[in-house]
Amino acid sequence: MRRAPKPPRAVLWGNLAWHPAVKAWLEFAEDAAEPETIEVVRDDKRSAMYRLVGAGSGGESIIVQRAPAARAALARTWHRHILAHLPGGTWRYCGCRREAVGYAWLFFEEAAGEQARE
């Protein structure tokens, strides 16, 4: 049984180009749109997860995770080589962008009707 997603901790709207998750996404996907809103799923010192509503090429939401580089590498491998081959996946791995400070951003296209979970 699937666990119901938690509501976002915050929802941001307006000019969102200042937000680090949006900056990372727009640098990664050059033809991407700025999101309509950002839903903050998790945001703490070590990691963060955001839903960029409407930022995908087809208007879908993009899930953006910021994590320490080693953990991001493990998650990237997990999503690319294991989850991608299982039926019923809810997120499609889009890619990864490393930061200079030992962190990385992971990008996922969210399947219609699915919500990010912590």
PDB file of N, CA and C in Angstrom:
ATOM      1  N   MET A   1       0.837  -1.169   0.000  1.00  0.00           N
ATOM      2  CA  MET A   1       0.000   0.000   0.000  1.00  0.00           C
ATOM      3  C   MET A   1       0.890   1.243   0.000  1.00  0.00           C
ATOM      4  N   ARG A   2       0.553   2.192  -0.839  1.00  0.00           N
ATOM      5  CA  ARG A   2       1.313   3.437  -0.920  1.00  0.00           C
ATOM      6  C   ARG A   2       0.956   4.365   0.209  1.00  0.00           C
ATOM      7  N   ARG A   3       1.974   4.984   0.730  1.00  0.00           N
ATOM      8  CA  ARG A   3       1.801   5.984   1.775  1.00  0.00           C
ATOM      9  C   ARG A   3       1.375   7.296   1.120  1.00  0.00           C
ATOM     10  N   ALA A   4       0.400   7.967   1.708  1.00  0.00           N
ATOM     11  CA  ALA A   4      -0.048   9.251   1.177  1.00  0.00           C
ATOM     12  C   ALA A   4       1.066  10.275   1.345  1.00  0.00           C
ATOM     13  N   PRO A   5       1.295  11.102   0.325  1.00  0.00           N
ATOM     14  CA  PRO A   5       2.352  12.107   0.446  1.00  0.00           C
ATOM     15  C   PRO A   5       2.002  13.149   1.489  1.00  0.00           C
ATOM     16  N   LYS A   6       3.026  13.652   2.150  1.00  0.00           N
ATOM     17  CA  LYS A   6       2.826  14.731   3.106  1.00  0.00           C
ATOM     18  C   LYS A   6       2.586  16.022   2.335  1.00  0.00           C
ATOM     19  N   PRO A   7       1.799  16.910   2.907  1.00  0.00           N
ATOM     20  CA  PRO A   7       1.626  18.206   2.229  1.00  0.00           C
ATOM     21  C   PRO A   7       2.955  18.956   2.221  1.00  0.00           C
ATOM     22  N   PRO A   8       3.145  19.839   1.246  1.00  0.00           N
ATOM     23  CA  PRO A   8       4.407  20.596   1.222  1.00  0.00           C
ATOM     24  C   PRO A   8       4.550  21.458   2.466  1.00  0.00           C
ATOM     25  N   ARG A   9       5.808  21.657   2.863  1.00  0.00           N
ATOM     26  CA  ARG A   9       6.079  22.503   4.026  1.00  0.00           C
ATOM     27  C   ARG A   9       5.821  23.968   3.718  1.00  0.00           C
ATOM     28  N   ALA A  10       5.984  24.325   2.460  1.00  0.00           N
ATOM     29  CA  ALA A  10       5.739  25.699   2.012  1.00  0.00           C
ATOM     30  C   ALA A  10       5.507  25.671   0.511  1.00  0.00           C
ATOM     31  N   VAL A  11       4.833  26.681   0.001  1.00  0.00           N
ATOM     32  CA  VAL A  11       4.640  26.858  -1.434  1.00  0.00           C
ATOM     33  C   VAL A  11       5.104  28.265  -1.775  1.00  0.00           C
ATOM     34  N   LEU A  12       6.010  28.351  -2.734  1.00  0.00           N
ATOM     35  CA  LEU A  12       6.555  29.635  -3.167  1.00  0.00           C
ATOM     36  C   LEU A  12       6.006  29.960  -4.554  1.00  0.00           C
ATOM     37  N   TRP A  13       5.721  31.212  -4.830  1.00  0.00           N
ATOM     38  CA  TRP A  13       5.244  31.627  -6.137  1.00  0.00           C
ATOM     39  C   TRP A  13       5.775  33.019  -6.447  1.00  0.00           C
ATOM     40  N   GLY A  14       5.473  33.465  -7.640  1.00  0.00           N
ATOM     41  CA  GLY A  14       5.984  34.765  -8.077  1.00  0.00           C
ATOM     42  C   GLY A  14       7.213  34.557  -8.944  1.00  0.00           C
ATOM     43  N   ASN A  15       8.134  35.517  -8.909  1.00  0.00           N
ATOM     44  CA  ASN A  15       9.385  35.383  -9.649  1.00  0.00           C
ATOM     45  C   ASN A  15      10.277  34.405  -8.885  1.00  0.00           C
ATOM     46  N   LEU A  16      10.468  33.200  -9.423  1.00  0.00           N
ATOM     47  CA  LEU A  16      11.176  32.138  -8.715  1.00  0.00           C
ATOM     48  C   LEU A  16      12.592  31.903  -9.234  1.00  0.00           C
ATOM     49  N   ALA A  17      13.058  32.727 -10.155  1.00  0.00           N
ATOM     50  CA  ALA A  17      14.379  32.516 -10.745  1.00  0.00           C
ATOM     51  C   ALA A  17      15.503  32.634  -9.714  1.00  0.00           C
ATOM     52  N   TRP A  18      15.273  33.241  -8.577  1.00  0.00           N
ATOM     53  CA  TRP A  18      16.279  33.413  -7.519  1.00  0.00           C
ATOM     54  C   TRP A  18      16.554  32.122  -6.764  1.00  0.00           C
ATOM     55  N   HIS A  19      15.609  31.196  -6.760  1.00  0.00           N
ATOM     56  CA  HIS A  19      15.713  30.003  -5.909  1.00  0.00           C
ATOM     57  C   HIS A  19      16.817  29.071  -6.418  1.00  0.00           C
ATOM     58  N   PRO A  20      17.663  28.540  -5.525  1.00  0.00           N
ATOM     59  CA  PRO A  20      18.763  27.665  -5.953  1.00  0.00           C
ATOM     60  C   PRO A  20      18.313  26.434  -6.752  1.00  0.00           C
ATOM     61  N   ALA A  21      17.165  25.853  -6.421  1.00  0.00           N
ATOM     62  CA  ALA A  21      16.680  24.685  -7.173  1.00  0.00           C
ATOM     63  C   ALA A  21      16.291  25.079  -8.593  1.00  0.00           C
ATOM     64  N   VAL A  22      15.689  26.240  -8.742  1.00  0.00           N
ATOM     65  CA  VAL A  22      15.306  26.726 -10.073  1.00  0.00           C
ATOM     66  C   VAL A  22      16.554  27.059 -10.875  1.00  0.00           C
ATOM     67  N   LYS A  23      17.520  27.723 -10.248  1.00  0.00           N
ATOM     68  CA  LYS A  23      18.776  28.041 -10.941  1.00  0.00           C
ATOM     69  C   LYS A  23      19.456  26.758 -11.441  1.00  0.00           C
ATOM     70  N   ALA A  24      19.527  25.766 -10.572  1.00  0.00           N
ATOM     71  CA  ALA A  24      20.169  24.501 -10.963  1.00  0.00           C
ATOM     72  C   ALA A  24      19.425  23.851 -12.117  1.00  0.00           C
ATOM     73  N   TRP A  25      18.078  23.835 -12.061  1.00  0.00           N
ATOM     74  CA  TRP A  25      17.277  23.214 -13.117  1.00  0.00           C
ATOM     75  C   TRP A  25      17.446  23.953 -14.439  1.00  0.00           C
ATOM     76  N   LEU A  26      17.395  25.275 -14.409  1.00  0.00           N
ATOM     77  CA  LEU A  26      17.511  26.058 -15.645  1.00  0.00           C
ATOM     78  C   LEU A  26      18.905  25.957 -16.259  1.00  0.00           C
ATOM     79  N   GLU A  27      19.941  25.782 -15.430  1.00  0.00           N
ATOM     80  CA  GLU A  27      21.283  25.569 -15.967  1.00  0.00           C
ATOM     81  C   GLU A  27      21.434  24.167 -16.540  1.00  0.00           C
ATOM     82  N   PHE A  28      20.729  23.200 -15.961  1.00  0.00           N
ATOM     83  CA  PHE A  28      20.799  21.821 -16.434  1.00  0.00           C
ATOM     84  C   PHE A  28      20.000  21.645 -17.722  1.00  0.00           C
ATOM     85  N   ALA A  29      18.769  22.109 -17.742  1.00  0.00           N
ATOM     86  CA  ALA A  29      17.859  21.938 -18.878  1.00  0.00           C
ATOM     87  C   ALA A  29      17.651  23.303 -19.523  1.00  0.00           C
ATOM     88  N   GLU A  30      18.461  23.609 -20.499  1.00  0.00           N
ATOM     89  CA  GLU A  30      18.498  24.946 -21.081  1.00  0.00           C
ATOM     90  C   GLU A  30      17.165  25.422 -21.650  1.00  0.00           C
ATOM     91  N   ASP A  31      16.335  24.519 -22.169  1.00  0.00           N
ATOM     92  CA  ASP A  31      15.059  24.925 -22.756  1.00  0.00           C
ATOM     93  C   ASP A  31      13.897  24.806 -21.767  1.00  0.00           C
ATOM     94  N   ALA A  32      14.193  24.617 -20.501  1.00  0.00           N
ATOM     95  CA  ALA A  32      13.156  24.442 -19.482  1.00  0.00           C
ATOM     96  C   ALA A  32      12.481  25.765 -19.153  1.00  0.00           C
ATOM     97  N   ALA A  33      11.281  25.640 -18.644  1.00  0.00           N
ATOM     98  CA  ALA A  33      10.518  26.809 -18.233  1.00  0.00           C
ATOM     99  C   ALA A  33      10.718  27.065 -16.742  1.00  0.00           C
ATOM    100  N   GLU A  34      10.532  28.304 -16.352  1.00  0.00           N
ATOM    101  CA  GLU A  34      10.528  28.628 -14.929  1.00  0.00           C
ATOM    102  C   GLU A  34       9.241  28.036 -14.336  1.00  0.00           C
ATOM    103  N   PRO A  35       9.294  27.494 -13.135  1.00  0.00           N
ATOM    104  CA  PRO A  35       8.100  26.859 -12.573  1.00  0.00           C
ATOM    105  C   PRO A  35       7.008  27.867 -12.212  1.00  0.00           C
ATOM    106  N   GLU A  36       5.767  27.364 -12.184  1.00  0.00           N
ATOM    107  CA  GLU A  36       4.638  28.171 -11.737  1.00  0.00           C
ATOM    108  C   GLU A  36       4.747  28.408 -10.230  1.00  0.00           C
ATOM    109  N   THR A  37       5.062  27.345  -9.512  1.00  0.00           N
ATOM    110  CA  THR A  37       5.256  27.410  -8.067  1.00  0.00           C
ATOM    111  C   THR A  37       6.343  26.413  -7.676  1.00  0.00           C
ATOM    112  N   ILE A  38       6.867  26.580  -6.472  1.00  0.00           N
ATOM    113  CA  ILE A  38       7.790  25.603  -5.881  1.00  0.00           C
ATOM    114  C   ILE A  38       7.134  25.078  -4.624  1.00  0.00           C
ATOM    115  N   GLU A  39       7.005  23.761  -4.543  1.00  0.00           N
ATOM    116  CA  GLU A  39       6.523  23.129  -3.320  1.00  0.00           C
ATOM    117  C   GLU A  39       7.742  22.604  -2.575  1.00  0.00           C
ATOM    118  N   VAL A  40       7.937  23.079  -1.366  1.00  0.00           N
ATOM    119  CA  VAL A  40       9.069  22.653  -0.550  1.00  0.00           C
ATOM    120  C   VAL A  40       8.654  21.367   0.160  1.00  0.00           C
ATOM    121  N   VAL A  41       9.241  20.244  -0.253  1.00  0.00           N
ATOM    122  CA  VAL A  41       8.930  18.950   0.355  1.00  0.00           C
ATOM    123  C   VAL A  41       9.809  18.743   1.582  1.00  0.00           C
ATOM    124  N   ARG A  42      11.102  19.038   1.435  1.00  0.00           N
ATOM    125  CA  ARG A  42      12.060  18.912   2.546  1.00  0.00           C
ATOM    126  C   ARG A  42      13.159  19.944   2.310  1.00  0.00           C
ATOM    127  N   ASP A  43      13.597  20.562   3.392  1.00  0.00           N
ATOM    128  CA  ASP A  43      14.666  21.548   3.277  1.00  0.00           C
ATOM    129  C   ASP A  43      15.377  21.638   4.624  1.00  0.00           C
ATOM    130  N   ASP A  44      16.546  20.988   4.715  1.00  0.00           N
ATOM    131  CA  ASP A  44      17.329  21.067   5.940  1.00  0.00           C
ATOM    132  C   ASP A  44      18.799  21.238   5.572  1.00  0.00           C
ATOM    133  N   LYS A  45      19.667  21.205   6.557  1.00  0.00           N
ATOM    134  CA  LYS A  45      21.086  21.486   6.314  1.00  0.00           C
ATOM    135  C   LYS A  45      21.746  20.506   5.363  1.00  0.00           C
ATOM    136  N   ARG A  46      21.384  19.216   5.422  1.00  0.00           N
ATOM    137  CA  ARG A  46      22.082  18.185   4.639  1.00  0.00           C
ATOM    138  C   ARG A  46      21.432  17.880   3.293  1.00  0.00           C
ATOM    139  N   SER A  47      20.135  18.039   3.183  1.00  0.00           N
ATOM    140  CA  SER A  47      19.491  17.701   1.920  1.00  0.00           C
ATOM    141  C   SER A  47      18.195  18.490   1.763  1.00  0.00           C
ATOM    142  N   ALA A  48      17.696  18.495   0.547  1.00  0.00           N
ATOM    143  CA  ALA A  48      16.462  19.210   0.258  1.00  0.00           C
ATOM    144  C   ALA A  48      15.748  18.532  -0.908  1.00  0.00           C
ATOM    145  N   MET A  49      14.435  18.710  -0.962  1.00  0.00           N
ATOM    146  CA  MET A  49      13.642  18.208  -2.075  1.00  0.00           C
ATOM    147  C   MET A  49      12.560  19.233  -2.386  1.00  0.00           C
ATOM    148  N   TYR A  50      12.450  19.557  -3.669  1.00  0.00           N
ATOM    149  CA  TYR A  50      11.484  20.550  -4.129  1.00  0.00           C
ATOM    150  C   TYR A  50      10.726  19.994  -5.321  1.00  0.00           C
ATOM    151  N   ARG A  51       9.470  20.402  -5.453  1.00  0.00           N
ATOM    152  CA  ARG A  51       8.688  20.100  -6.655  1.00  0.00           C
ATOM    153  C   ARG A  51       8.545  21.414  -7.411  1.00  0.00           C
ATOM    154  N   LEU A  52       9.101  21.448  -8.621  1.00  0.00           N
ATOM    155  CA  LEU A  52       8.991  22.627  -9.477  1.00  0.00           C
ATOM    156  C   LEU A  52       7.782  22.401 -10.376  1.00  0.00           C
ATOM    157  N   VAL A  53       6.655  22.955  -9.991  1.00  0.00           N
ATOM    158  CA  VAL A  53       5.385  22.716 -10.680  1.00  0.00           C
ATOM    159  C   VAL A  53       5.394  23.406 -12.043  1.00  0.00           C
ATOM    160  N   GLY A  54       5.189  22.621 -13.096  1.00  0.00           N
ATOM    161  CA  GLY A  54       5.110  23.153 -14.452  1.00  0.00           C
ATOM    162  C   GLY A  54       6.438  23.456 -15.108  1.00  0.00           C
ATOM    163  N   ALA A  55       7.544  22.995 -14.552  1.00  0.00           N
ATOM    164  CA  ALA A  55       8.867  23.332 -15.089  1.00  0.00           C
ATOM    165  C   ALA A  55       9.351  22.373 -16.167  1.00  0.00           C
ATOM    166  N   GLY A  56       8.677  21.264 -16.367  1.00  0.00           N
ATOM    167  CA  GLY A  56       9.098  20.299 -17.387  1.00  0.00           C
ATOM    168  C   GLY A  56       8.748  20.767 -18.785  1.00  0.00           C
ATOM    169  N   SER A  57       9.337  20.147 -19.785  1.00  0.00           N
ATOM    170  CA  SER A  57       9.126  20.558 -21.177  1.00  0.00           C
ATOM    171  C   SER A  57       7.672  20.418 -21.614  1.00  0.00           C
ATOM    172  N   GLY A  58       6.940  19.475 -20.998  1.00  0.00           N
ATOM    173  CA  GLY A  58       5.535  19.291 -21.308  1.00  0.00           C
ATOM    174  C   GLY A  58       4.621  19.841 -20.230  1.00  0.00           C
ATOM    175  N   GLY A  59       5.147  20.671 -19.360  1.00  0.00           N
ATOM    176  CA  GLY A  59       4.361  21.251 -18.292  1.00  0.00           C
ATOM    177  C   GLY A  59       4.268  20.386 -17.043  1.00  0.00           C
ATOM    178  N   GLU A  60       4.949  19.239 -17.043  1.00  0.00           N
ATOM    179  CA  GLU A  60       4.927  18.370 -15.861  1.00  0.00           C
ATOM    180  C   GLU A  60       5.799  18.954 -14.760  1.00  0.00           C
ATOM    181  N   SER A  61       5.620  18.433 -13.575  1.00  0.00           N
ATOM    182  CA  SER A  61       6.445  18.867 -12.446  1.00  0.00           C
ATOM    183  C   SER A  61       7.796  18.181 -12.489  1.00  0.00           C
ATOM    184  N   ILE A  62       8.793  18.880 -11.997  1.00  0.00           N
ATOM    185  CA  ILE A  62      10.146  18.342 -11.887  1.00  0.00           C
ATOM    186  C   ILE A  62      10.478  18.260 -10.399  1.00  0.00           C
ATOM    187  N   ILE A  63      10.936  17.094  -9.974  1.00  0.00           N
ATOM    188  CA  ILE A  63      11.392  16.909  -8.608  1.00  0.00           C
ATOM    189  C   ILE A  63      12.887  17.188  -8.602  1.00  0.00           C
ATOM    190  N   VAL A  64      13.317  18.054  -7.711  1.00  0.00           N
ATOM    191  CA  VAL A  64      14.718  18.429  -7.606  1.00  0.00           C
ATOM    192  C   VAL A  64      15.187  18.082  -6.192  1.00  0.00           C
ATOM    193  N   GLN A  65      16.248  17.291  -6.112  1.00  0.00           N
ATOM    194  CA  GLN A  65      16.821  16.924  -4.827  1.00  0.00           C
ATOM    195  C   GLN A  65      18.242  17.458  -4.742  1.00  0.00           C
ATOM    196  N   ARG A  66      18.591  18.018  -3.599  1.00  0.00           N
ATOM    197  CA  ARG A  66      19.972  18.427  -3.324  1.00  0.00           C
ATOM    198  C   ARG A  66      20.478  17.533  -2.213  1.00  0.00           C
ATOM    199  N   ALA A  67      21.616  16.900  -2.447  1.00  0.00           N
ATOM    200  CA  ALA A  67      22.166  15.957  -1.481  1.00  0.00           C
ATOM    201  C   ALA A  67      23.685  15.992  -1.546  1.00  0.00           C
ATOM    202  N   PRO A  68      24.352  15.497  -0.473  1.00  0.00           N
ATOM    203  CA  PRO A  68      25.811  15.356  -0.554  1.00  0.00           C
ATOM    204  C   PRO A  68      26.177  14.523  -1.782  1.00  0.00           C
ATOM    205  N   ALA A  69      27.291  14.855  -2.408  1.00  0.00           N
ATOM    206  CA  ALA A  69      27.674  14.235  -3.686  1.00  0.00           C
ATOM    207  C   ALA A  69      27.715  12.708  -3.620  1.00  0.00           C
ATOM    208  N   ALA A  70      28.234  12.138  -2.537  1.00  0.00           N
ATOM    209  CA  ALA A  70      28.314  10.671  -2.442  1.00  0.00           C
ATOM    210  C   ALA A  70      26.923  10.060  -2.399  1.00  0.00           C
ATOM    211  N   ARG A  71      26.015  10.667  -1.639  1.00  0.00           N
ATOM    212  CA  ARG A  71      24.648  10.148  -1.570  1.00  0.00           C
ATOM    213  C   ARG A  71      23.931  10.344  -2.898  1.00  0.00           C
ATOM    214  N   ALA A  72      24.197  11.453  -3.567  1.00  0.00           N
ATOM    215  CA  ALA A  72      23.583  11.708  -4.870  1.00  0.00           C
ATOM    216  C   ALA A  72      24.067  10.687  -5.903  1.00  0.00           C
ATOM    217  N   ALA A  73      25.345  10.323  -5.842  1.00  0.00           N
ATOM    218  CA  ALA A  73      25.880   9.317  -6.776  1.00  0.00           C
ATOM    219  C   ALA A  73      25.186   7.971  -6.575  1.00  0.00           C
ATOM    220  N   LEU A  74      24.962   7.609  -5.340  1.00  0.00           N
ATOM    221  CA  LEU A  74      24.253   6.361  -5.043  1.00  0.00           C
ATOM    222  C   LEU A  74      22.816   6.423  -5.551  1.00  0.00           C
ATOM    223  N   ALA A  75      22.130   7.526  -5.298  1.00  0.00           N
ATOM    224  CA  ALA A  75      20.754   7.689  -5.763  1.00  0.00           C
ATOM    225  C   ALA A  75      20.686   7.677  -7.286  1.00  0.00           C
ATOM    226  N   ARG A  76      21.643   8.314  -7.935  1.00  0.00           N
ATOM    227  CA  ARG A  76      21.683   8.338  -9.402  1.00  0.00           C
ATOM    228  C   ARG A  76      21.817   6.925  -9.944  1.00  0.00           C
ATOM    229  N   THR A  77      22.714   6.139  -9.371  1.00  0.00           N
ATOM    230  CA  THR A  77      22.899   4.753  -9.803  1.00  0.00           C
ATOM    231  C   THR A  77      21.627   3.956  -9.578  1.00  0.00           C
ATOM    232  N   TRP A  78      21.019   4.124  -8.425  1.00  0.00           N
ATOM    233  CA  TRP A  78      19.790   3.408  -8.084  1.00  0.00           C
ATOM    234  C   TRP A  78      18.691   3.718  -9.097  1.00  0.00           C
ATOM    235  N   HIS A  79      18.494   4.992  -9.409  1.00  0.00           N
ATOM    236  CA  HIS A  79      17.425   5.383 -10.327  1.00  0.00           C
ATOM    237  C   HIS A  79      17.722   4.985 -11.766  1.00  0.00           C
ATOM    238  N   ARG A  80      18.963   5.115 -12.208  1.00  0.00           N
ATOM    239  CA  ARG A  80      19.307   4.823 -13.605  1.00  0.00           C
ATOM    240  C   ARG A  80      19.353   3.336 -13.907  1.00  0.00           C
ATOM    241  N   HIS A  81      19.879   2.538 -12.979  1.00  0.00           N
ATOM    242  CA  HIS A  81      20.149   1.140 -13.293  1.00  0.00           C
ATOM    243  C   HIS A  81      19.188   0.136 -12.665  1.00  0.00           C
ATOM    244  N   ILE A  82      18.426   0.561 -11.676  1.00  0.00           N
ATOM    245  CA  ILE A  82      17.513  -0.382 -11.035  1.00  0.00           C
ATOM    246  C   ILE A  82      16.065   0.054 -11.232  1.00  0.00           C
ATOM    247  N   LEU A  83      15.698   1.201 -10.704  1.00  0.00           N
ATOM    248  CA  LEU A  83      14.302   1.634 -10.778  1.00  0.00           C
ATOM    249  C   LEU A  83      13.810   1.852 -12.198  1.00  0.00           C
ATOM    250  N   ALA A  84      14.683   2.266 -13.090  1.00  0.00           N
ATOM    251  CA  ALA A  84      14.269   2.512 -14.473  1.00  0.00           C
ATOM    252  C   ALA A  84      13.779   1.240 -15.161  1.00  0.00           C
ATOM    253  N   HIS A  85      14.168   0.080 -14.660  1.00  0.00           N
ATOM    254  CA  HIS A  85      13.791  -1.189 -15.285  1.00  0.00           C
ATOM    255  C   HIS A  85      12.623  -1.878 -14.596  1.00  0.00           C
ATOM    256  N   LEU A  86      12.078  -1.256 -13.563  1.00  0.00           N
ATOM    257  CA  LEU A  86      10.944  -1.831 -12.849  1.00  0.00           C
ATOM    258  C   LEU A  86       9.648  -1.203 -13.329  1.00  0.00           C
ATOM    259  N   PRO A  87       8.561  -1.985 -13.393  1.00  0.00           N
ATOM    260  CA  PRO A  87       7.274  -1.412 -13.812  1.00  0.00           C
ATOM    261  C   PRO A  87       6.702  -0.507 -12.727  1.00  0.00           C
ATOM    262  N   GLY A  88       5.927   0.459 -13.145  1.00  0.00           N
ATOM    263  CA  GLY A  88       5.218   1.303 -12.203  1.00  0.00           C
ATOM    264  C   GLY A  88       6.032   2.415 -11.586  1.00  0.00           C
ATOM    265  N   GLY A  89       7.151   2.760 -12.199  1.00  0.00           N
ATOM    266  CA  GLY A  89       7.956   3.858 -11.665  1.00  0.00           C
ATOM    267  C   GLY A  89       7.197   5.168 -11.728  1.00  0.00           C
ATOM    268  N   THR A  90       7.389   6.000 -10.732  1.00  0.00           N
ATOM    269  CA  THR A  90       6.672   7.265 -10.697  1.00  0.00           C
ATOM    270  C   THR A  90       7.535   8.445 -11.132  1.00  0.00           C
ATOM    271  N   TRP A  91       8.845   8.304 -11.034  1.00  0.00           N
ATOM    272  CA  TRP A  91       9.738   9.377 -11.443  1.00  0.00           C
ATOM    273  C   TRP A  91      10.661   8.875 -12.533  1.00  0.00           C
ATOM    274  N   ARG A  92      10.906   9.731 -13.524  1.00  0.00           N
ATOM    275  CA  ARG A  92      11.881   9.393 -14.570  1.00  0.00           C
ATOM    276  C   ARG A  92      13.124  10.236 -14.311  1.00  0.00           C
ATOM    277  N   TYR A  93      14.253   9.569 -14.144  1.00  0.00           N
ATOM    278  CA  TYR A  93      15.517  10.252 -13.885  1.00  0.00           C
ATOM    279  C   TYR A  93      15.895  11.090 -15.100  1.00  0.00           C
ATOM    280  N   CYS A  94      16.175  12.369 -14.876  1.00  0.00           N
ATOM    281  CA  CYS A  94      16.561  13.277 -15.959  1.00  0.00           C
ATOM    282  C   CYS A  94      18.055  13.553 -15.964  1.00  0.00           C
ATOM    283  N   GLY A  95      18.680  13.601 -14.783  1.00  0.00           N
ATOM    284  CA  GLY A  95      20.099  13.864 -14.748  1.00  0.00           C
ATOM    285  C   GLY A  95      20.552  14.422 -13.411  1.00  0.00           C
ATOM    286  N   CYS A  96      21.821  14.797 -13.402  1.00  0.00           N
ATOM    287  CA  CYS A  96      22.468  15.242 -12.170  1.00  0.00           C
ATOM    288  C   CYS A  96      23.403  16.402 -12.509  1.00  0.00           C
ATOM    289  N   ARG A  97      23.526  17.317 -11.578  1.00  0.00           N
ATOM    290  CA  ARG A  97      24.452  18.450 -11.741  1.00  0.00           C
ATOM    291  C   ARG A  97      25.212  18.626 -10.435  1.00  0.00           C
ATOM    292  N   ARG A  98      26.515  18.514 -10.494  1.00  0.00           N
ATOM    293  CA  ARG A  98      27.352  18.652  -9.286  1.00  0.00           C
ATOM    294  C   ARG A  98      27.599  20.113  -8.968  1.00  0.00           C
ATOM    295  N   GLU A  99      27.707  20.395  -7.675  1.00  0.00           N
ATOM    296  CA  GLU A  99      28.102  21.714  -7.200  1.00  0.00           C
ATOM    297  C   GLU A  99      29.566  21.653  -6.789  1.00  0.00           C
ATOM    298  N   ALA A 100      30.188  22.776  -6.691  1.00  0.00           N
ATOM    299  CA  ALA A 100      31.602  22.818  -6.317  1.00  0.00           C
ATOM    300  C   ALA A 100      31.822  22.554  -4.831  1.00  0.00           C
ATOM    301  N   VAL A 101      30.790  22.601  -4.031  1.00  0.00           N
ATOM    302  CA  VAL A 101      30.939  22.502  -2.575  1.00  0.00           C
ATOM    303  C   VAL A 101      30.636  21.108  -2.022  1.00  0.00           C
ATOM    304  N   GLY A 102      30.710  20.068  -2.844  1.00  0.00           N
ATOM    305  CA  GLY A 102      30.497  18.711  -2.354  1.00  0.00           C
ATOM    306  C   GLY A 102      29.055  18.245  -2.352  1.00  0.00           C
ATOM    307  N   TYR A 103      28.186  18.955  -3.049  1.00  0.00           N
ATOM    308  CA  TYR A 103      26.784  18.587  -3.164  1.00  0.00           C
ATOM    309  C   TYR A 103      26.436  18.398  -4.632  1.00  0.00           C
ATOM    310  N   ALA A 104      25.276  17.798  -4.866  1.00  0.00           N
ATOM    311  CA  ALA A 104      24.796  17.620  -6.235  1.00  0.00           C
ATOM    312  C   ALA A 104      23.279  17.792  -6.255  1.00  0.00           C
ATOM    313  N   TRP A 105      22.782  18.164  -7.411  1.00  0.00           N
ATOM    314  CA  TRP A 105      21.349  18.277  -7.658  1.00  0.00           C
ATOM    315  C   TRP A 105      20.938  17.099  -8.530  1.00  0.00           C
ATOM    316  N   LEU A 106      19.875  16.419  -8.168  1.00  0.00           N
ATOM    317  CA  LEU A 106      19.290  15.348  -8.972  1.00  0.00           C
ATOM    318  C   LEU A 106      17.956  15.848  -9.506  1.00  0.00           C
ATOM    319  N   PHE A 107      17.649  15.506 -10.762  1.00  0.00           N
ATOM    320  CA  PHE A 107      16.426  15.976 -11.404  1.00  0.00           C
ATOM    321  C   PHE A 107      15.609  14.783 -11.876  1.00  0.00           C
ATOM    322  N   PHE A 108      14.314  14.822 -11.571  1.00  0.00           N
ATOM    323  CA  PHE A 108      13.388  13.757 -11.947  1.00  0.00           C
ATOM    324  C   PHE A 108      12.130  14.373 -12.530  1.00  0.00           C
ATOM    325  N   GLU A 109      11.623  13.750 -13.581  1.00  0.00           N
ATOM    326  CA  GLU A 109      10.343  14.152 -14.137  1.00  0.00           C
ATOM    327  C   GLU A 109       9.275  13.368 -13.390  1.00  0.00           C
ATOM    328  N   GLU A 110       8.313  14.058 -12.870  1.00  0.00           N
ATOM    329  CA  GLU A 110       7.260  13.406 -12.089  1.00  0.00           C
ATOM    330  C   GLU A 110       6.165  12.907 -13.005  1.00  0.00           C
ATOM    331  N   ALA A 111       5.751  11.662 -12.807  1.00  0.00           N
ATOM    332  CA  ALA A 111       4.644  11.110 -13.579  1.00  0.00           C
ATOM    333  C   ALA A 111       3.364  11.814 -13.186  1.00  0.00           C
ATOM    334  N   ALA A 112       2.455  11.961 -14.139  1.00  0.00           N
ATOM    335  CA  ALA A 112       1.192  12.653 -13.876  1.00  0.00           C
ATOM    336  C   ALA A 112       0.460  11.998 -12.712  1.00  0.00           C
ATOM    337  N   GLY A 113      -0.034  12.816 -11.818  1.00  0.00           N
ATOM    338  CA  GLY A 113      -0.824  12.325 -10.693  1.00  0.00           C
ATOM    339  C   GLY A 113      -0.016  11.839  -9.507  1.00  0.00           C
ATOM    340  N   GLU A 114       1.303  11.833  -9.608  1.00  0.00           N
ATOM    341  CA  GLU A 114       2.143  11.375  -8.496  1.00  0.00           C
ATOM    342  C   GLU A 114       2.647  12.568  -7.705  1.00  0.00           C
ATOM    343  N   GLN A 115       2.962  12.350  -6.453  1.00  0.00           N
ATOM    344  CA  GLN A 115       3.464  13.400  -5.582  1.00  0.00           C
ATOM    345  C   GLN A 115       4.755  12.906  -4.937  1.00  0.00           C
ATOM    346  N   ALA A 116       5.687  13.826  -4.720  1.00  0.00           N
ATOM    347  CA  ALA A 116       6.957  13.469  -4.083  1.00  0.00           C
ATOM    348  C   ALA A 116       6.724  13.069  -2.634  1.00  0.00           C
ATOM    349  N   ARG A 117       7.492  12.091  -2.197  1.00  0.00           N
ATOM    350  CA  ARG A 117       7.425  11.657  -0.795  1.00  0.00           C
ATOM    351  C   ARG A 117       8.791  11.853  -0.182  1.00  0.00           C
ATOM    352  N   GLU A 118       8.792  12.120   1.098  1.00  0.00           N
ATOM    353  CA  GLU A 118      10.058  12.274   1.804  1.00  0.00           C
ATOM    354  C   GLU A 118      10.737  10.937   1.959  1.00  0.00           C
TER     355      GLU A 118
END
